[in-house]
Amino acid sequence: MTRAAIDDGSSMTARAKEAVPGLRRPAVAGHPRPPGVLLLHGMGGGPGDWDSLALHLPAHLELWDVKMPWSFTGDPSWAAEGRPVTQFVSAPIGHLRHTLGRAPDVVIAHSFAANVVLELLAEANPAPAALAVLISPFYRTDDSMEWASIIPALTECYSKLGDEIRARRRSRMSDELRQAILRRAVELMGDSAALRFYETYQRTPQLKLESVTTPVLLIAGGDDVASVVRGTPALGGRIPRASLAILDSCGHFPMIERAREVAGLIETFASRATSDTEAPQ
């Protein structure tokens, strides 16, 4: 797989603090201005979370991904630094903006990263991307998630990821390896990361979502943890240009479990949003 790191002249110290996107897949040759798509994985995940989806996304899209500080093999100290979580996403978006000469055309973010993008959509000017796809975001409704439930809820998410990795490998993964992955994910998460997750989740009702002008596609699995299943439709009700897709018999990782279907939803959404933007007013 071809990957090209961005060189924008920043120092190695800055690079160590900021996640720098790499080119995952160039667009098919001949496209004059291929849309740039940035893929952002969730807490405890990694760029590999997008392997299945990337196979089904249209060839005219230029795909970029990035290893976030909260990746499966990341440094847990990111959560204890006290930096605003939006900085961890705005930095790679800024790198890509420098390379492309514009904001990413589409940002596709999963779980915790989806919530961080949501904050940027509500706060940032200019917008972080022309279009946003948020997969399995968390949103606090009246029945808020208590602090004591954060670790069990995230552990359940990671457990499902282990099941899906094993399914992708056609059961070649042993139970011991699956449990090791789960233990590492929970170890990575730790108290500080769980606290950052909880803080981000608790802020969602206060975000100025009614002012978001970016078209947003929300995707969630009908079998995901309850806070996602209940919260995603409520979130869609607050974003003016939101589209919503709840996939039956699907868990926390639709881009793995239902990659072809999710790719189709994204293609339809992007085509419709682009047509709406170009239509005479």
Protein backbone atom coordinates (compact mmCIF):
# COMPACT_ATOMS: atom_id res chain seq x y z
CA MET A 1 0.00 0.00 0.00
CA THR A 2 1.45 3.37 -0.99
CA ARG A 3 1.87 5.93 1.77
CA ALA A 4 3.45 9.36 1.40
CA ALA A 5 4.16 11.49 4.45
CA ILE A 6 3.48 15.20 4.24
CA ASP A 7 6.51 17.49 4.39
CA ASP A 8 5.43 20.97 5.36
CA GLY A 9 8.71 22.10 6.89
CA SER A 10 7.62 21.69 10.49
CA SER A 11 10.16 20.64 13.10
CA MET A 12 10.55 17.10 14.36
CA THR A 13 9.39 18.30 17.78
CA ALA A 14 6.15 19.57 16.28
CA ARG A 15 5.77 16.36 14.29
CA ALA A 16 6.11 14.33 17.48
CA LYS A 17 3.14 16.22 18.96
CA GLU A 18 0.96 16.20 15.86
CA ALA A 19 -0.42 13.30 13.88
CA VAL A 20 0.68 13.74 10.26
CA PRO A 21 -1.56 12.25 7.53
CA GLY A 22 -0.19 9.88 4.93
CA LEU A 23 -1.53 9.11 1.48
CA ARG A 24 -3.26 5.77 1.77
CA ARG A 25 -4.52 5.50 -1.81
CA PRO A 26 -4.15 7.91 -4.72
CA ALA A 27 -7.14 8.59 -6.91
CA VAL A 28 -7.47 6.89 -10.26
CA ALA A 29 -5.31 8.58 -12.87
CA GLY A 30 -6.91 11.27 -15.01
CA HIS A 31 -9.10 12.97 -12.44
CA PRO A 32 -8.30 16.73 -12.62
CA ARG A 33 -9.06 17.45 -8.96
CA PRO A 34 -9.59 14.26 -6.96
CA PRO A 35 -11.58 14.80 -3.78
CA GLY A 36 -9.36 14.43 -0.72
CA VAL A 37 -10.77 12.18 2.01
CA LEU A 38 -9.28 12.09 5.52
CA LEU A 39 -9.96 8.97 7.63
CA LEU A 40 -9.81 9.37 11.43
CA HIS A 41 -10.00 6.28 13.64
CA GLY A 42 -11.47 6.07 17.12
CA MET A 43 -9.92 5.48 20.54
CA GLY A 44 -7.97 2.24 20.69
CA GLY A 45 -8.17 1.76 16.91
CA GLY A 46 -5.78 2.50 14.10
CA PRO A 47 -5.55 3.16 10.34
CA GLY A 48 -6.24 -0.54 9.76
CA ASP A 49 -9.82 0.05 10.88
CA TRP A 50 -10.40 1.51 7.40
CA ASP A 51 -9.03 -1.44 5.37
CA SER A 52 -12.43 -2.88 4.47
CA LEU A 53 -14.08 0.45 3.72
CA ALA A 54 -11.19 1.63 1.54
CA LEU A 55 -11.72 -1.37 -0.75
CA HIS A 56 -15.25 -0.19 -1.52
CA LEU A 57 -14.93 3.59 -1.70
CA PRO A 58 -14.98 4.99 -5.27
CA ALA A 59 -11.66 5.00 -7.10
CA HIS A 60 -11.82 8.73 -7.89
CA LEU A 61 -11.38 9.54 -4.18
CA GLU A 62 -7.89 10.26 -2.82
CA LEU A 63 -7.71 8.59 0.58
CA TRP A 64 -5.55 9.87 3.43
CA ASP A 65 -5.31 8.36 6.89
CA VAL A 66 -3.44 9.13 10.08
CA LYS A 67 -2.39 7.34 13.24
CA MET A 68 -3.98 9.31 16.06
CA PRO A 69 -2.38 9.61 19.52
CA TRP A 70 -5.19 7.44 20.90
CA SER A 71 -4.39 4.57 18.52
CA PHE A 72 -4.01 0.97 19.70
CA THR A 73 -0.21 1.38 19.71
CA GLY A 74 -0.22 5.04 20.72
CA ASP A 75 1.27 6.82 23.71
CA PRO A 76 -1.36 7.14 26.45
CA SER A 77 0.25 10.35 27.68
CA TRP A 78 -1.81 12.31 25.11
CA ALA A 79 -4.77 12.16 27.49
CA ALA A 80 -2.87 13.53 30.47
CA GLU A 81 -1.41 16.54 28.64
CA GLY A 82 -4.53 18.65 29.08
CA ARG A 83 -4.58 19.84 25.47
CA PRO A 84 -8.05 20.50 24.00
CA VAL A 85 -9.09 17.34 22.18
CA THR A 86 -9.89 19.39 19.07
CA GLN A 87 -6.18 20.14 18.62
CA PHE A 88 -5.49 16.47 17.96
CA VAL A 89 -7.79 16.57 14.93
CA SER A 90 -7.26 20.15 13.77
CA ALA A 91 -3.50 19.47 13.45
CA PRO A 92 -3.74 16.71 10.80
CA ILE A 93 -6.50 18.64 9.03
CA GLY A 94 -4.17 21.63 8.94
CA HIS A 95 -1.37 19.52 7.49
CA LEU A 96 -3.69 18.21 4.79
CA ARG A 97 -5.03 21.69 4.07
CA HIS A 98 -1.42 22.81 3.48
CA THR A 99 -0.79 19.90 1.10
CA LEU A 100 -4.05 20.07 -0.86
CA GLY A 101 -4.32 23.86 -0.83
CA ARG A 102 -7.80 23.54 0.66
CA ALA A 103 -9.64 21.80 3.44
CA PRO A 104 -10.27 18.07 2.99
CA ASP A 105 -13.32 17.51 0.82
CA VAL A 106 -14.56 14.80 3.19
CA VAL A 107 -13.62 13.84 6.74
CA ILE A 108 -14.74 10.36 7.80
CA ALA A 109 -14.36 9.82 11.55
CA HIS A 110 -15.25 6.96 13.88
CA SER A 111 -16.40 6.94 17.51
CA PHE A 112 -14.27 9.25 19.71
CA ALA A 113 -12.76 10.94 16.64
CA ALA A 114 -16.30 11.53 15.34
CA ASN A 115 -17.09 13.40 18.53
CA VAL A 116 -13.96 15.52 18.23
CA VAL A 117 -14.87 16.39 14.62
CA LEU A 118 -18.35 17.27 15.86
CA GLU A 119 -16.80 19.83 18.22
CA LEU A 120 -14.76 21.29 15.36
CA LEU A 121 -17.88 21.57 13.20
CA ALA A 122 -19.60 23.51 15.96
CA GLU A 123 -16.63 25.77 16.72
CA ALA A 124 -14.22 26.06 13.81
CA ASN A 125 -14.16 28.78 11.19
CA PRO A 126 -13.42 27.76 8.49
CA ALA A 127 -15.09 24.35 8.68
CA PRO A 128 -12.74 21.36 8.98
CA ALA A 129 -14.08 19.84 5.75
CA ALA A 130 -16.66 20.40 3.03
CA LEU A 131 -18.50 17.22 4.10
CA ALA A 132 -18.36 15.14 7.27
CA VAL A 133 -19.22 11.48 7.85
CA LEU A 134 -19.49 10.60 11.55
CA ILE A 135 -19.64 6.86 12.28
CA SER A 136 -20.85 5.68 15.70
CA PRO A 137 -20.69 9.07 17.46
CA PHE A 138 -21.71 9.39 21.10
CA TYR A 139 -24.30 11.99 22.06
CA ARG A 140 -25.69 12.66 25.51
CA THR A 141 -29.45 12.64 25.80
CA ASP A 142 -31.38 13.15 29.04
CA ASP A 143 -30.36 9.68 30.26
CA SER A 144 -26.70 10.66 30.46
CA MET A 145 -23.90 8.13 30.73
CA GLU A 146 -22.50 8.09 34.26
CA TRP A 147 -18.75 8.12 34.90
CA ALA A 148 -18.85 4.60 36.33
CA SER A 149 -20.29 3.27 33.06
CA ILE A 150 -17.57 4.68 30.78
CA ILE A 151 -15.04 1.85 31.19
CA PRO A 152 -17.65 -0.93 30.72
CA ALA A 153 -19.12 0.83 27.68
CA LEU A 154 -15.75 1.32 25.98
CA THR A 155 -14.68 -2.20 26.95
CA GLU A 156 -17.80 -3.51 25.23
CA CYS A 157 -16.87 -1.54 22.10
CA TYR A 158 -13.34 -2.97 22.09
CA SER A 159 -14.67 -6.47 22.68
CA LYS A 160 -16.83 -6.14 19.58
CA LEU A 161 -13.79 -4.94 17.64
CA GLY A 162 -11.98 -8.13 18.65
CA ASP A 163 -14.92 -10.16 17.35
CA GLU A 164 -14.86 -8.30 14.05
CA ILE A 165 -11.10 -8.70 13.60
CA ARG A 166 -11.49 -12.42 14.22
CA ALA A 167 -14.34 -12.57 11.70
CA ARG A 168 -12.24 -10.77 9.07
CA ARG A 169 -9.49 -13.35 9.59
CA ARG A 170 -12.01 -16.18 9.26
CA SER A 171 -11.62 -17.35 12.86
CA ARG A 172 -7.84 -17.72 12.64
CA MET A 173 -7.55 -15.48 15.70
CA SER A 174 -7.42 -17.42 18.96
CA ASP A 175 -9.43 -16.44 22.00
CA GLU A 176 -6.14 -15.75 23.78
CA LEU A 177 -5.05 -13.23 21.12
CA ARG A 178 -8.46 -11.59 21.10
CA GLN A 179 -8.31 -11.18 24.89
CA ALA A 180 -4.78 -9.78 24.62
CA ILE A 181 -6.04 -7.15 22.15
CA LEU A 182 -8.86 -6.25 24.50
CA ARG A 183 -6.53 -5.99 27.51
CA ARG A 184 -4.14 -3.77 25.54
CA ALA A 185 -7.00 -1.53 24.42
CA VAL A 186 -8.26 -1.08 27.97
CA GLU A 187 -4.68 -0.54 29.17
CA LEU A 188 -4.20 2.10 26.50
CA MET A 189 -7.44 3.78 27.44
CA GLY A 190 -6.58 4.10 31.12
CA ASP A 191 -8.13 6.58 33.52
CA SER A 192 -6.95 9.71 31.70
CA ALA A 193 -8.21 8.63 28.28
CA ALA A 194 -11.53 7.55 29.76
CA LEU A 195 -11.80 10.95 31.44
CA ARG A 196 -11.16 12.75 28.12
CA PHE A 197 -13.81 10.57 26.51
CA TYR A 198 -16.27 11.34 29.28
CA GLU A 199 -15.60 15.08 29.13
CA THR A 200 -16.11 15.11 25.37
CA TYR A 201 -19.30 13.07 25.66
CA GLN A 202 -20.70 15.29 28.42
CA ARG A 203 -20.13 18.45 26.33
CA THR A 204 -22.27 17.30 23.41
CA PRO A 205 -25.57 18.92 24.51
CA GLN A 206 -23.85 22.31 24.86
CA LEU A 207 -22.34 22.32 21.36
CA LYS A 208 -23.75 24.96 18.98
CA LEU A 209 -24.88 22.34 16.50
CA GLU A 210 -27.78 24.36 15.09
CA SER A 211 -25.22 26.68 13.50
CA VAL A 212 -23.40 23.90 11.64
CA THR A 213 -23.70 24.51 7.89
CA THR A 214 -21.59 21.53 6.77
CA PRO A 215 -23.58 18.57 5.42
CA VAL A 216 -23.12 15.68 7.86
CA LEU A 217 -23.85 11.97 7.42
CA LEU A 218 -24.40 10.08 10.68
CA ILE A 219 -24.03 6.29 10.60
CA ALA A 220 -24.61 3.95 13.54
CA GLY A 221 -25.25 0.27 14.13
CA GLY A 222 -28.55 -0.79 15.59
CA ASP A 223 -26.76 -3.25 17.89
CA ASP A 224 -24.23 -0.72 19.19
CA VAL A 225 -24.05 0.33 22.84
CA ALA A 226 -27.24 2.03 23.97
CA SER A 227 -25.78 5.54 24.20
CA VAL A 228 -24.97 5.43 20.48
CA VAL A 229 -28.25 3.86 19.38
CA ARG A 230 -30.31 6.42 21.31
CA GLY A 231 -28.02 9.37 20.88
CA THR A 232 -27.34 9.35 17.13
CA PRO A 233 -30.93 10.12 16.03
CA ALA A 234 -31.11 12.87 18.68
CA LEU A 235 -27.84 14.28 17.37
CA GLY A 236 -29.19 14.25 13.82
CA GLY A 237 -32.18 16.26 14.98
CA ARG A 238 -29.92 19.14 16.02
CA ILE A 239 -27.75 19.41 12.89
CA PRO A 240 -29.55 21.32 10.10
CA ARG A 241 -28.02 19.42 7.15
CA ALA A 242 -27.73 15.97 8.72
CA SER A 243 -28.54 12.65 7.08
CA LEU A 244 -29.00 9.59 9.28
CA ALA A 245 -28.47 5.87 8.67
CA ILE A 246 -29.03 3.25 11.40
CA LEU A 247 -27.90 -0.19 10.22
CA ASP A 248 -29.78 -3.17 11.63
CA SER A 249 -27.77 -6.11 13.01
CA CYS A 250 -24.61 -4.00 13.13
CA GLY A 251 -22.36 -3.04 16.05
CA HIS A 252 -19.92 -0.25 16.80
CA PHE A 253 -17.78 -0.70 13.67
CA PRO A 254 -20.06 -0.37 10.62
CA MET A 255 -17.07 0.39 8.37
CA ILE A 256 -15.79 -3.12 9.16
CA GLU A 257 -19.03 -5.06 9.55
CA ARG A 258 -20.89 -3.49 6.61
CA ALA A 259 -18.11 -1.90 4.57
CA ARG A 260 -19.79 -2.15 1.17
CA GLU A 261 -23.06 -0.70 2.47
CA VAL A 262 -21.30 2.13 4.32
CA ALA A 263 -19.28 2.98 1.19
CA GLY A 264 -22.53 3.18 -0.78
CA LEU A 265 -24.09 5.46 1.82
CA ILE A 266 -21.06 7.75 1.69
CA GLU A 267 -21.04 7.87 -2.11
CA THR A 268 -24.77 8.70 -2.26
CA PHE A 269 -24.45 11.31 0.47
CA ALA A 270 -21.46 13.02 -1.16
CA SER A 271 -23.12 13.05 -4.56
CA ARG A 272 -26.35 14.51 -3.19
CA ALA A 273 -24.58 17.10 -1.02
CA THR A 274 -22.41 18.20 -3.94
CA SER A 275 -25.45 18.52 -6.23
CA ASP A 276 -27.29 20.57 -3.61
CA THR A 277 -24.32 22.89 -3.25
CA GLU A 278 -23.95 23.39 -7.01
CA ALA A 279 -27.68 23.87 -7.66
CA PRO A 280 -28.78 27.45 -8.49
CA GLN A 281 -30.05 29.32 -5.45
